[in-house]
Amino acid sequence: MNMSEDSNLVIQAKELATFLLHDTGTRLDHSRHVVEQAQLATEMLDEPWKSALLPAAWLHDIGYSKDIGITKFHPLDGARYLRNEGWSMEICRLVAWHTNAEAEAEMRDLDYVLAIEFEVPPKEARELLAWADLTSSPTGERCSPQERLDEILERYGSETVVHRAIIQAHDQLLNTALDFQDRLSEIYPINGVSAPLSNP
């Protein structure tokens, strides 16, 4: 895929995310910042995942749209919608498995369905998107992975599936984000991504 095709795909993803998330509070602001974070690290990926990353960053939360949320498990709902609309399977797979989606899928008894329908993306692409997600606040500002996890636990009550899934996956999510952050700052020290994202 050439640069022009990549740019067109990102524009299409932005337009679709804007359409589907316009009435979901600040999720579009969050997605926009996930894209900004992901842009810092796209060169760490090879094709076709390099081209899939930014569209997936725009689209990772579209499953929250009331128009497509069928199972109420947003990674699966979003990925199914994108597959049905003809988006590449690389984008669909990143959306389906973003940010340890398997933990919540298991609690919803959807882990088998998720695994059957969408193959797990490569580790580097998956970790990059998780890092971008976990360093983007709900309102589209930079935050540390710990701050993001704390915010999710506070926003979702202890009785919810989301809260319980984050508790179960907390250490893995945090370590994944921090490890990726360290690798990124070593490769691109001029970006200065490590200091403002470090945990207290």
N, C-alpha and C. Protein backbone atom coordinates (compact mmCIF):
# COMPACT_ATOMS: atom_id res chain seq x y z
N MET A 1 0.85 -1.20 0.00
CA MET A 1 0.00 0.00 0.00
C MET A 1 0.88 1.24 0.00
N ASN A 2 0.61 2.18 -0.93
CA ASN A 2 1.44 3.38 -1.00
C ASN A 2 0.96 4.45 -0.02
N MET A 3 1.73 5.54 0.07
CA MET A 3 1.44 6.58 1.06
C MET A 3 0.08 7.21 0.83
N SER A 4 -0.29 7.43 -0.44
CA SER A 4 -1.59 8.03 -0.75
C SER A 4 -2.73 7.14 -0.29
N GLU A 5 -2.61 5.82 -0.53
CA GLU A 5 -3.64 4.89 -0.10
C GLU A 5 -3.73 4.86 1.41
N ASP A 6 -2.56 4.89 2.08
CA ASP A 6 -2.55 4.94 3.55
C ASP A 6 -3.31 6.16 4.06
N SER A 7 -3.02 7.32 3.48
CA SER A 7 -3.65 8.57 3.91
C SER A 7 -5.16 8.52 3.70
N ASN A 8 -5.58 7.99 2.55
CA ASN A 8 -7.01 7.89 2.27
C ASN A 8 -7.71 6.97 3.27
N LEU A 9 -7.04 5.89 3.63
CA LEU A 9 -7.62 4.94 4.58
C LEU A 9 -7.78 5.58 5.96
N VAL A 10 -6.79 6.35 6.38
CA VAL A 10 -6.87 7.04 7.66
C VAL A 10 -8.00 8.07 7.65
N ILE A 11 -8.15 8.78 6.56
CA ILE A 11 -9.23 9.77 6.43
C ILE A 11 -10.59 9.08 6.50
N GLN A 12 -10.73 7.96 5.81
CA GLN A 12 -11.98 7.21 5.84
C GLN A 12 -12.29 6.71 7.25
N ALA A 13 -11.25 6.25 7.95
CA ALA A 13 -11.44 5.77 9.32
C ALA A 13 -11.87 6.90 10.24
N LYS A 14 -11.25 8.07 10.07
CA LYS A 14 -11.62 9.24 10.87
C LYS A 14 -13.07 9.62 10.62
N GLU A 15 -13.48 9.62 9.37
CA GLU A 15 -14.85 9.99 9.03
C GLU A 15 -15.85 9.00 9.61
N LEU A 16 -15.53 7.72 9.54
CA LEU A 16 -16.44 6.71 10.09
C LEU A 16 -16.51 6.81 11.61
N ALA A 17 -15.37 6.99 12.26
CA ALA A 17 -15.36 7.15 13.71
C ALA A 17 -16.16 8.38 14.13
N THR A 18 -16.01 9.47 13.39
CA THR A 18 -16.77 10.68 13.69
C THR A 18 -18.26 10.44 13.56
N PHE A 19 -18.66 9.71 12.54
CA PHE A 19 -20.07 9.42 12.31
C PHE A 19 -20.65 8.54 13.42
N LEU A 20 -19.91 7.49 13.80
CA LEU A 20 -20.44 6.52 14.76
C LEU A 20 -20.30 6.95 16.21
N LEU A 21 -19.32 7.80 16.50
CA LEU A 21 -19.06 8.16 17.90
C LEU A 21 -19.51 9.57 18.25
N HIS A 22 -20.20 10.25 17.35
CA HIS A 22 -20.54 11.66 17.60
C HIS A 22 -21.44 11.84 18.81
N ASP A 23 -22.19 10.81 19.18
CA ASP A 23 -23.12 10.94 20.30
C ASP A 23 -22.75 10.02 21.46
N THR A 24 -21.46 9.74 21.61
CA THR A 24 -21.00 8.83 22.67
C THR A 24 -20.11 9.56 23.67
N GLY A 25 -20.45 10.79 23.97
CA GLY A 25 -19.65 11.55 24.92
C GLY A 25 -18.31 11.95 24.34
N THR A 26 -17.25 11.65 25.07
CA THR A 26 -15.91 12.08 24.64
C THR A 26 -15.11 10.96 23.97
N ARG A 27 -15.77 9.90 23.54
CA ARG A 27 -15.03 8.77 22.96
C ARG A 27 -14.30 9.17 21.68
N LEU A 28 -14.85 10.11 20.92
CA LEU A 28 -14.16 10.55 19.72
C LEU A 28 -12.90 11.33 20.09
N ASP A 29 -12.96 12.15 21.13
CA ASP A 29 -11.77 12.87 21.59
C ASP A 29 -10.70 11.88 22.04
N HIS A 30 -11.13 10.85 22.75
CA HIS A 30 -10.19 9.82 23.18
C HIS A 30 -9.56 9.14 21.97
N SER A 31 -10.37 8.76 21.00
CA SER A 31 -9.85 8.07 19.83
C SER A 31 -8.87 8.94 19.06
N ARG A 32 -9.15 10.22 18.97
CA ARG A 32 -8.25 11.14 18.28
C ARG A 32 -6.87 11.14 18.94
N HIS A 33 -6.85 11.13 20.26
CA HIS A 33 -5.55 11.12 20.94
C HIS A 33 -4.86 9.77 20.82
N VAL A 34 -5.62 8.69 20.77
CA VAL A 34 -5.02 7.37 20.54
C VAL A 34 -4.28 7.38 19.20
N VAL A 35 -4.88 8.01 18.20
CA VAL A 35 -4.22 8.14 16.90
C VAL A 35 -2.93 8.94 17.02
N GLU A 36 -2.97 10.04 17.75
CA GLU A 36 -1.77 10.88 17.92
C GLU A 36 -0.66 10.09 18.60
N GLN A 37 -1.01 9.30 19.60
CA GLN A 37 0.00 8.49 20.26
C GLN A 37 0.54 7.41 19.33
N ALA A 38 -0.36 6.76 18.60
CA ALA A 38 0.06 5.69 17.70
C ALA A 38 1.00 6.21 16.61
N GLN A 39 0.79 7.46 16.20
CA GLN A 39 1.65 8.05 15.17
C GLN A 39 3.11 8.13 15.60
N LEU A 40 3.35 8.18 16.90
CA LEU A 40 4.72 8.23 17.39
C LEU A 40 5.49 6.95 17.10
N ALA A 41 4.77 5.87 16.85
CA ALA A 41 5.44 4.57 16.80
C ALA A 41 5.14 3.75 15.56
N THR A 42 4.48 4.32 14.56
CA THR A 42 4.12 3.52 13.39
C THR A 42 5.32 2.89 12.71
N GLU A 43 6.48 3.57 12.75
CA GLU A 43 7.66 3.05 12.07
C GLU A 43 8.21 1.78 12.72
N MET A 44 7.69 1.43 13.89
CA MET A 44 8.14 0.22 14.54
C MET A 44 7.50 -1.02 13.94
N LEU A 45 6.48 -0.83 13.10
CA LEU A 45 5.76 -1.95 12.51
C LEU A 45 6.11 -2.15 11.04
N ASP A 46 5.99 -3.39 10.60
CA ASP A 46 6.12 -3.71 9.18
C ASP A 46 4.72 -3.79 8.58
N GLU A 47 4.67 -3.72 7.26
CA GLU A 47 3.40 -3.90 6.56
C GLU A 47 2.94 -5.36 6.69
N PRO A 48 1.62 -5.60 6.70
CA PRO A 48 0.53 -4.64 6.50
C PRO A 48 0.07 -3.94 7.78
N TRP A 49 0.75 -4.24 8.90
CA TRP A 49 0.29 -3.71 10.19
C TRP A 49 0.57 -2.23 10.34
N LYS A 50 1.61 -1.77 9.70
CA LYS A 50 1.91 -0.33 9.73
C LYS A 50 0.75 0.46 9.13
N SER A 51 0.21 0.00 8.02
CA SER A 51 -0.91 0.69 7.37
C SER A 51 -2.21 0.51 8.13
N ALA A 52 -2.33 -0.56 8.90
CA ALA A 52 -3.57 -0.84 9.63
C ALA A 52 -3.66 -0.09 10.95
N LEU A 53 -2.52 0.33 11.49
CA LEU A 53 -2.49 0.86 12.85
C LEU A 53 -3.34 2.11 13.05
N LEU A 54 -3.14 3.14 12.25
CA LEU A 54 -3.86 4.40 12.48
C LEU A 54 -5.36 4.27 12.21
N PRO A 55 -5.77 3.58 11.13
CA PRO A 55 -7.21 3.35 11.00
C PRO A 55 -7.80 2.60 12.21
N ALA A 56 -7.08 1.60 12.70
CA ALA A 56 -7.57 0.86 13.87
C ALA A 56 -7.64 1.75 15.10
N ALA A 57 -6.69 2.66 15.23
CA ALA A 57 -6.70 3.59 16.36
C ALA A 57 -7.95 4.48 16.31
N TRP A 58 -8.29 4.97 15.13
CA TRP A 58 -9.52 5.75 14.99
C TRP A 58 -10.76 4.92 15.31
N LEU A 59 -10.74 3.65 14.93
CA LEU A 59 -11.95 2.84 14.94
C LEU A 59 -12.08 1.90 16.13
N HIS A 60 -11.10 1.89 17.03
CA HIS A 60 -11.09 0.84 18.05
C HIS A 60 -12.30 0.87 18.99
N ASP A 61 -12.94 2.02 19.15
CA ASP A 61 -14.07 2.12 20.08
C ASP A 61 -15.43 2.28 19.39
N ILE A 62 -15.51 2.05 18.08
CA ILE A 62 -16.79 2.28 17.41
C ILE A 62 -17.87 1.33 17.88
N GLY A 63 -17.49 0.22 18.51
CA GLY A 63 -18.48 -0.72 19.04
C GLY A 63 -19.34 -0.14 20.13
N TYR A 64 -18.96 1.02 20.66
CA TYR A 64 -19.80 1.70 21.66
C TYR A 64 -21.00 2.40 21.01
N SER A 65 -20.98 2.54 19.70
CA SER A 65 -22.10 3.19 19.01
C SER A 65 -23.37 2.38 19.20
N LYS A 66 -24.45 3.06 19.53
CA LYS A 66 -25.72 2.36 19.73
C LYS A 66 -26.22 1.74 18.43
N ASP A 67 -25.70 2.22 17.31
CA ASP A 67 -26.14 1.71 16.01
C ASP A 67 -25.56 0.34 15.68
N ILE A 68 -24.45 -0.01 16.30
CA ILE A 68 -23.82 -1.29 15.96
C ILE A 68 -23.55 -2.16 17.18
N GLY A 69 -23.82 -1.66 18.37
CA GLY A 69 -23.55 -2.42 19.58
C GLY A 69 -24.60 -3.50 19.82
N ILE A 70 -24.31 -4.72 19.41
CA ILE A 70 -25.26 -5.83 19.52
C ILE A 70 -24.99 -6.66 20.77
N THR A 71 -23.73 -7.10 20.93
CA THR A 71 -23.38 -7.93 22.08
C THR A 71 -23.08 -7.10 23.33
N LYS A 72 -22.88 -5.79 23.14
CA LYS A 72 -22.46 -4.87 24.20
C LYS A 72 -21.01 -5.11 24.62
N PHE A 73 -20.30 -5.91 23.85
CA PHE A 73 -18.86 -6.09 24.01
C PHE A 73 -18.22 -5.35 22.85
N HIS A 74 -17.75 -4.14 23.10
CA HIS A 74 -17.45 -3.23 22.00
C HIS A 74 -16.32 -3.67 21.06
N PRO A 75 -15.29 -4.37 21.52
CA PRO A 75 -14.28 -4.81 20.55
C PRO A 75 -14.85 -5.75 19.49
N LEU A 76 -15.69 -6.68 19.91
CA LEU A 76 -16.29 -7.63 18.97
C LEU A 76 -17.32 -6.96 18.08
N ASP A 77 -18.17 -6.12 18.66
CA ASP A 77 -19.17 -5.42 17.85
C ASP A 77 -18.51 -4.53 16.80
N GLY A 78 -17.46 -3.82 17.19
CA GLY A 78 -16.77 -2.95 16.25
C GLY A 78 -16.09 -3.74 15.14
N ALA A 79 -15.42 -4.82 15.50
CA ALA A 79 -14.71 -5.62 14.51
C ALA A 79 -15.67 -6.29 13.53
N ARG A 80 -16.78 -6.77 14.03
CA ARG A 80 -17.77 -7.39 13.15
C ARG A 80 -18.33 -6.37 12.16
N TYR A 81 -18.61 -5.19 12.64
CA TYR A 81 -19.13 -4.14 11.75
C TYR A 81 -18.13 -3.83 10.66
N LEU A 82 -16.88 -3.67 11.03
CA LEU A 82 -15.84 -3.34 10.06
C LEU A 82 -15.66 -4.46 9.05
N ARG A 83 -15.69 -5.70 9.51
CA ARG A 83 -15.57 -6.84 8.58
C ARG A 83 -16.73 -6.84 7.58
N ASN A 84 -17.92 -6.60 8.09
CA ASN A 84 -19.09 -6.59 7.21
C ASN A 84 -19.06 -5.45 6.20
N GLU A 85 -18.35 -4.37 6.56
CA GLU A 85 -18.25 -3.21 5.68
C GLU A 85 -17.04 -3.29 4.74
N GLY A 86 -16.29 -4.39 4.84
CA GLY A 86 -15.20 -4.61 3.90
C GLY A 86 -13.85 -4.05 4.29
N TRP A 87 -13.67 -3.66 5.56
CA TRP A 87 -12.36 -3.19 6.01
C TRP A 87 -11.40 -4.37 6.10
N SER A 88 -10.12 -4.08 6.02
CA SER A 88 -9.12 -5.16 6.00
C SER A 88 -9.17 -5.96 7.30
N MET A 89 -8.79 -7.23 7.19
CA MET A 89 -8.81 -8.08 8.38
C MET A 89 -7.76 -7.65 9.39
N GLU A 90 -6.68 -7.00 8.94
CA GLU A 90 -5.69 -6.51 9.89
C GLU A 90 -6.31 -5.46 10.81
N ILE A 91 -7.08 -4.54 10.24
CA ILE A 91 -7.77 -3.53 11.05
C ILE A 91 -8.80 -4.18 11.94
N CYS A 92 -9.57 -5.11 11.39
CA CYS A 92 -10.59 -5.79 12.18
C CYS A 92 -9.98 -6.54 13.36
N ARG A 93 -8.86 -7.20 13.12
CA ARG A 93 -8.21 -7.98 14.18
C ARG A 93 -7.67 -7.07 15.29
N LEU A 94 -7.09 -5.93 14.90
CA LEU A 94 -6.61 -5.00 15.92
C LEU A 94 -7.75 -4.46 16.77
N VAL A 95 -8.86 -4.14 16.14
CA VAL A 95 -10.03 -3.64 16.88
C VAL A 95 -10.58 -4.73 17.79
N ALA A 96 -10.68 -5.95 17.28
CA ALA A 96 -11.26 -7.05 18.05
C ALA A 96 -10.47 -7.39 19.30
N TRP A 97 -9.14 -7.27 19.22
CA TRP A 97 -8.29 -7.72 20.32
C TRP A 97 -7.62 -6.57 21.06
N HIS A 98 -8.10 -5.34 20.88
CA HIS A 98 -7.35 -4.22 21.45
C HIS A 98 -7.41 -4.21 22.98
N THR A 99 -6.27 -3.86 23.55
CA THR A 99 -6.12 -3.62 24.98
C THR A 99 -6.68 -4.76 25.83
N ASN A 100 -6.14 -5.96 25.57
CA ASN A 100 -6.50 -7.16 26.33
C ASN A 100 -8.00 -7.43 26.34
N ALA A 101 -8.60 -7.34 25.18
CA ALA A 101 -10.04 -7.58 25.07
C ALA A 101 -10.41 -8.99 25.53
N GLU A 102 -9.46 -9.91 25.48
CA GLU A 102 -9.79 -11.29 25.83
C GLU A 102 -10.21 -11.46 27.28
N ALA A 103 -9.75 -10.58 28.17
CA ALA A 103 -10.14 -10.69 29.58
C ALA A 103 -11.63 -10.44 29.75
N GLU A 104 -12.12 -9.38 29.11
CA GLU A 104 -13.56 -9.10 29.18
C GLU A 104 -14.36 -10.12 28.38
N ALA A 105 -13.81 -10.57 27.25
CA ALA A 105 -14.51 -11.57 26.44
C ALA A 105 -14.76 -12.84 27.24
N GLU A 106 -13.78 -13.26 28.03
CA GLU A 106 -13.93 -14.47 28.84
C GLU A 106 -15.05 -14.30 29.86
N MET A 107 -15.13 -13.14 30.48
CA MET A 107 -16.16 -12.90 31.48
C MET A 107 -17.56 -12.80 30.87
N ARG A 108 -17.61 -12.47 29.59
CA ARG A 108 -18.90 -12.39 28.89
C ARG A 108 -19.22 -13.69 28.14
N ASP A 109 -18.37 -14.71 28.33
CA ASP A 109 -18.51 -15.98 27.61
C ASP A 109 -18.46 -15.77 26.10
N LEU A 110 -17.63 -14.84 25.68
CA LEU A 110 -17.45 -14.57 24.25
C LEU A 110 -16.03 -14.84 23.79
N ASP A 111 -15.21 -15.43 24.65
CA ASP A 111 -13.81 -15.66 24.29
C ASP A 111 -13.67 -16.64 23.14
N TYR A 112 -14.50 -17.67 23.11
CA TYR A 112 -14.44 -18.63 22.02
C TYR A 112 -14.87 -17.98 20.71
N VAL A 113 -15.93 -17.21 20.77
CA VAL A 113 -16.43 -16.52 19.58
C VAL A 113 -15.36 -15.56 19.04
N LEU A 114 -14.74 -14.79 19.94
CA LEU A 114 -13.71 -13.84 19.54
C LEU A 114 -12.56 -14.56 18.84
N ALA A 115 -12.11 -15.66 19.42
CA ALA A 115 -10.97 -16.39 18.86
C ALA A 115 -11.29 -17.05 17.53
N ILE A 116 -12.52 -17.52 17.38
CA ILE A 116 -12.92 -18.17 16.13
C ILE A 116 -13.05 -17.17 14.99
N GLU A 117 -13.60 -16.00 15.30
CA GLU A 117 -13.89 -15.03 14.25
C GLU A 117 -12.69 -14.17 13.86
N PHE A 118 -11.80 -13.91 14.82
CA PHE A 118 -10.69 -12.99 14.55
C PHE A 118 -9.39 -13.54 15.13
N GLU A 119 -8.42 -13.73 14.28
CA GLU A 119 -7.11 -14.20 14.72
C GLU A 119 -6.41 -13.11 15.53
N VAL A 120 -5.65 -13.52 16.54
CA VAL A 120 -4.92 -12.56 17.37
C VAL A 120 -3.86 -11.86 16.52
N PRO A 121 -3.79 -10.52 16.59
CA PRO A 121 -2.77 -9.80 15.81
C PRO A 121 -1.37 -10.07 16.35
N PRO A 122 -0.35 -9.72 15.58
CA PRO A 122 1.03 -9.86 16.06
C PRO A 122 1.26 -9.05 17.34
N LYS A 123 2.17 -9.53 18.16
CA LYS A 123 2.41 -8.96 19.47
C LYS A 123 2.78 -7.48 19.40
N GLU A 124 3.68 -7.09 18.50
CA GLU A 124 4.15 -5.71 18.46
C GLU A 124 3.02 -4.75 18.10
N ALA A 125 2.20 -5.12 17.12
CA ALA A 125 1.09 -4.25 16.72
C ALA A 125 0.05 -4.14 17.83
N ARG A 126 -0.21 -5.24 18.46
CA ARG A 126 -1.20 -5.26 19.54
C ARG A 126 -0.74 -4.43 20.73
N GLU A 127 0.52 -4.57 21.09
CA GLU A 127 1.06 -3.82 22.23
C GLU A 127 1.13 -2.33 21.94
N LEU A 128 1.43 -1.99 20.70
CA LEU A 128 1.49 -0.58 20.34
C LEU A 128 0.12 0.08 20.50
N LEU A 129 -0.92 -0.57 20.00
CA LEU A 129 -2.26 -0.01 20.12
C LEU A 129 -2.70 0.05 21.59
N ALA A 130 -2.35 -0.96 22.36
CA ALA A 130 -2.69 -0.95 23.78
C ALA A 130 -2.00 0.21 24.49
N TRP A 131 -0.73 0.43 24.18
CA TRP A 131 -0.01 1.57 24.78
C TRP A 131 -0.66 2.89 24.41
N ALA A 132 -1.01 3.07 23.13
CA ALA A 132 -1.65 4.31 22.70
C ALA A 132 -2.98 4.51 23.41
N ASP A 133 -3.73 3.43 23.59
CA ASP A 133 -5.03 3.50 24.28
C ASP A 133 -4.85 3.86 25.75
N LEU A 134 -3.87 3.24 26.38
CA LEU A 134 -3.67 3.42 27.82
C LEU A 134 -2.92 4.69 28.18
N THR A 135 -2.48 5.43 27.18
CA THR A 135 -1.85 6.73 27.46
C THR A 135 -2.71 7.87 26.91
N SER A 136 -3.98 7.58 26.69
CA SER A 136 -4.94 8.57 26.20
C SER A 136 -6.13 8.61 27.15
N SER A 137 -6.38 9.76 27.75
CA SER A 137 -7.49 9.89 28.69
C SER A 137 -8.83 9.88 27.95
N PRO A 138 -9.93 9.71 28.67
CA PRO A 138 -11.24 9.74 28.01
C PRO A 138 -11.53 11.05 27.29
N THR A 139 -10.91 12.14 27.73
CA THR A 139 -11.17 13.45 27.12
C THR A 139 -10.10 13.83 26.10
N GLY A 140 -9.21 12.89 25.76
CA GLY A 140 -8.24 13.14 24.71
C GLY A 140 -6.98 13.84 25.14
N GLU A 141 -6.54 13.58 26.36
CA GLU A 141 -5.30 14.16 26.86
C GLU A 141 -4.32 13.04 27.18
N ARG A 142 -3.05 13.40 27.21
CA ARG A 142 -2.02 12.41 27.54
C ARG A 142 -2.08 12.08 29.03
N CYS A 143 -1.94 10.81 29.33
CA CYS A 143 -1.94 10.36 30.72
C CYS A 143 -1.01 9.17 30.84
N SER A 144 -0.72 8.79 32.07
CA SER A 144 0.10 7.60 32.29
C SER A 144 -0.79 6.37 32.24
N PRO A 145 -0.22 5.20 31.96
CA PRO A 145 -1.02 3.98 31.98
C PRO A 145 -1.71 3.74 33.32
N GLN A 146 -1.03 4.03 34.41
CA GLN A 146 -1.65 3.84 35.73
C GLN A 146 -2.83 4.78 35.92
N GLU A 147 -2.68 6.02 35.51
CA GLU A 147 -3.79 6.97 35.62
C GLU A 147 -4.99 6.50 34.81
N ARG A 148 -4.72 5.97 33.64
CA ARG A 148 -5.81 5.49 32.78
C ARG A 148 -6.53 4.31 33.40
N LEU A 149 -5.79 3.36 33.92
CA LEU A 149 -6.40 2.20 34.54
C LEU A 149 -7.20 2.60 35.78
N ASP A 150 -6.65 3.51 36.57
CA ASP A 150 -7.37 3.99 37.76
C ASP A 150 -8.68 4.67 37.36
N GLU A 151 -8.63 5.44 36.28
CA GLU A 151 -9.82 6.15 35.83
C GLU A 151 -10.90 5.18 35.38
N ILE A 152 -10.52 4.12 34.68
CA ILE A 152 -11.50 3.13 34.22
C ILE A 152 -12.15 2.44 35.42
N LEU A 153 -11.34 2.07 36.40
CA LEU A 153 -11.88 1.40 37.59
C LEU A 153 -12.82 2.31 38.36
N GLU A 154 -12.53 3.60 38.38
CA GLU A 154 -13.40 4.55 39.07
C GLU A 154 -14.70 4.78 38.29
N ARG A 155 -14.60 4.81 36.98
CA ARG A 155 -15.77 5.11 36.15
C ARG A 155 -16.75 3.95 36.11
N TYR A 156 -16.22 2.74 36.12
CA TYR A 156 -17.08 1.56 36.08
C TYR A 156 -17.16 0.95 37.49
N GLY A 157 -18.36 0.75 37.97
CA GLY A 157 -18.54 0.21 39.31
C GLY A 157 -18.00 -1.20 39.45
N SER A 158 -17.73 -1.59 40.69
CA SER A 158 -17.10 -2.88 40.96
C SER A 158 -17.97 -4.07 40.53
N GLU A 159 -19.25 -3.82 40.33
CA GLU A 159 -20.15 -4.91 39.92
C GLU A 159 -20.14 -5.14 38.42
N THR A 160 -19.50 -4.26 37.66
CA THR A 160 -19.55 -4.36 36.21
C THR A 160 -18.50 -5.31 35.66
N VAL A 161 -18.77 -5.84 34.48
CA VAL A 161 -17.83 -6.73 33.81
C VAL A 161 -16.53 -5.99 33.48
N VAL A 162 -16.65 -4.74 33.06
CA VAL A 162 -15.47 -3.96 32.69
C VAL A 162 -14.53 -3.82 33.89
N HIS A 163 -15.07 -3.47 35.04
CA HIS A 163 -14.26 -3.30 36.25
C HIS A 163 -13.55 -4.61 36.59
N ARG A 164 -14.29 -5.70 36.59
CA ARG A 164 -13.70 -6.99 36.96
C ARG A 164 -12.64 -7.43 35.95
N ALA A 165 -12.87 -7.13 34.68
CA ALA A 165 -11.88 -7.49 33.65
C ALA A 165 -10.60 -6.69 33.82
N ILE A 166 -10.73 -5.40 34.15
CA ILE A 166 -9.54 -4.57 34.36
C ILE A 166 -8.76 -5.04 35.58
N ILE A 167 -9.48 -5.39 36.64
CA ILE A 167 -8.81 -5.92 37.83
C ILE A 167 -8.01 -7.17 37.47
N GLN A 168 -8.62 -8.05 36.72
CA GLN A 168 -7.96 -9.30 36.35
C GLN A 168 -6.74 -9.07 35.47
N ALA A 169 -6.85 -8.12 34.54
CA ALA A 169 -5.77 -7.90 33.56
C ALA A 169 -4.86 -6.74 33.94
N HIS A 170 -5.06 -6.14 35.11
CA HIS A 170 -4.39 -4.89 35.48
C HIS A 170 -2.87 -4.97 35.32
N ASP A 171 -2.26 -5.95 35.95
CA ASP A 171 -0.80 -6.01 35.94
C ASP A 171 -0.25 -6.24 34.53
N GLN A 172 -0.92 -7.09 33.78
CA GLN A 172 -0.48 -7.34 32.41
C GLN A 172 -0.61 -6.09 31.55
N LEU A 173 -1.73 -5.39 31.69
CA LEU A 173 -1.93 -4.15 30.93
C LEU A 173 -0.88 -3.11 31.28
N LEU A 174 -0.66 -2.93 32.56
CA LEU A 174 0.31 -1.93 33.01
C LEU A 174 1.71 -2.27 32.54
N ASN A 175 2.12 -3.51 32.71
CA ASN A 175 3.46 -3.91 32.31
C ASN A 175 3.65 -3.82 30.80
N THR A 176 2.63 -4.21 30.06
CA THR A 176 2.70 -4.11 28.60
C THR A 176 2.91 -2.67 28.16
N ALA A 177 2.12 -1.76 28.72
CA ALA A 177 2.22 -0.35 28.35
C ALA A 177 3.57 0.24 28.74
N LEU A 178 4.03 -0.05 29.95
CA LEU A 178 5.29 0.52 30.40
C LEU A 178 6.48 -0.06 29.64
N ASP A 179 6.42 -1.35 29.34
CA ASP A 179 7.51 -1.97 28.58
C ASP A 179 7.58 -1.39 27.17
N PHE A 180 6.42 -1.20 26.56
CA PHE A 180 6.42 -0.63 25.21
C PHE A 180 6.91 0.81 25.24
N GLN A 181 6.49 1.53 26.25
CA GLN A 181 6.92 2.92 26.41
C GLN A 181 8.43 3.02 26.52
N ASP A 182 9.03 2.11 27.26
CA ASP A 182 10.49 2.10 27.39
C ASP A 182 11.16 1.82 26.05
N ARG A 183 10.63 0.86 25.30
CA ARG A 183 11.21 0.54 23.99
C ARG A 183 11.09 1.71 23.04
N LEU A 184 9.95 2.38 23.09
CA LEU A 184 9.72 3.52 22.20
C LEU A 184 10.67 4.66 22.52
N SER A 185 10.87 4.94 23.79
CA SER A 185 11.74 6.06 24.17
C SER A 185 13.21 5.77 23.85
N GLU A 186 13.56 4.49 23.81
CA GLU A 186 14.93 4.13 23.42
C GLU A 186 15.15 4.33 21.92
N ILE A 187 14.11 4.03 21.14
CA ILE A 187 14.24 4.13 19.69
C ILE A 187 14.09 5.56 19.21
N TYR A 188 13.16 6.29 19.83
CA TYR A 188 12.89 7.67 19.42
C TYR A 188 13.03 8.62 20.61
N PRO A 189 14.22 8.76 21.16
CA PRO A 189 14.39 9.59 22.36
C PRO A 189 14.03 11.05 22.13
N ILE A 190 14.09 11.52 20.88
CA ILE A 190 13.81 12.94 20.63
C ILE A 190 12.34 13.27 20.85
N ASN A 191 11.49 12.25 20.83
CA ASN A 191 10.07 12.51 21.05
C ASN A 191 9.76 12.83 22.50
N GLY A 192 10.65 12.42 23.36
CA GLY A 192 10.45 12.70 24.78
C GLY A 192 9.20 12.08 25.35
N VAL A 193 8.87 10.86 24.90
CA VAL A 193 7.62 10.28 25.33
C VAL A 193 7.70 9.65 26.72
N SER A 194 8.91 9.39 27.21
CA SER A 194 9.00 8.65 28.45
C SER A 194 8.66 9.49 29.67
N ALA A 195 9.25 10.66 29.78
CA ALA A 195 9.08 11.47 31.00
C ALA A 195 7.65 11.86 31.28
N PRO A 196 6.91 12.43 30.31
CA PRO A 196 5.56 12.86 30.62
C PRO A 196 4.59 11.72 30.81
N LEU A 197 4.98 10.49 30.45
CA LEU A 197 4.07 9.36 30.59
C LEU A 197 4.43 8.46 31.74
N SER A 198 5.49 8.76 32.46
CA SER A 198 5.93 7.89 33.53
C SER A 198 4.95 7.91 34.68
N ASN A 199 4.90 6.82 35.43
CA ASN A 199 4.00 6.71 36.56
C ASN A 199 4.59 7.44 37.76
N PRO A 200 3.73 7.92 38.66
CA PRO A 200 4.23 8.60 39.86
C PRO A 200 5.12 7.67 40.68
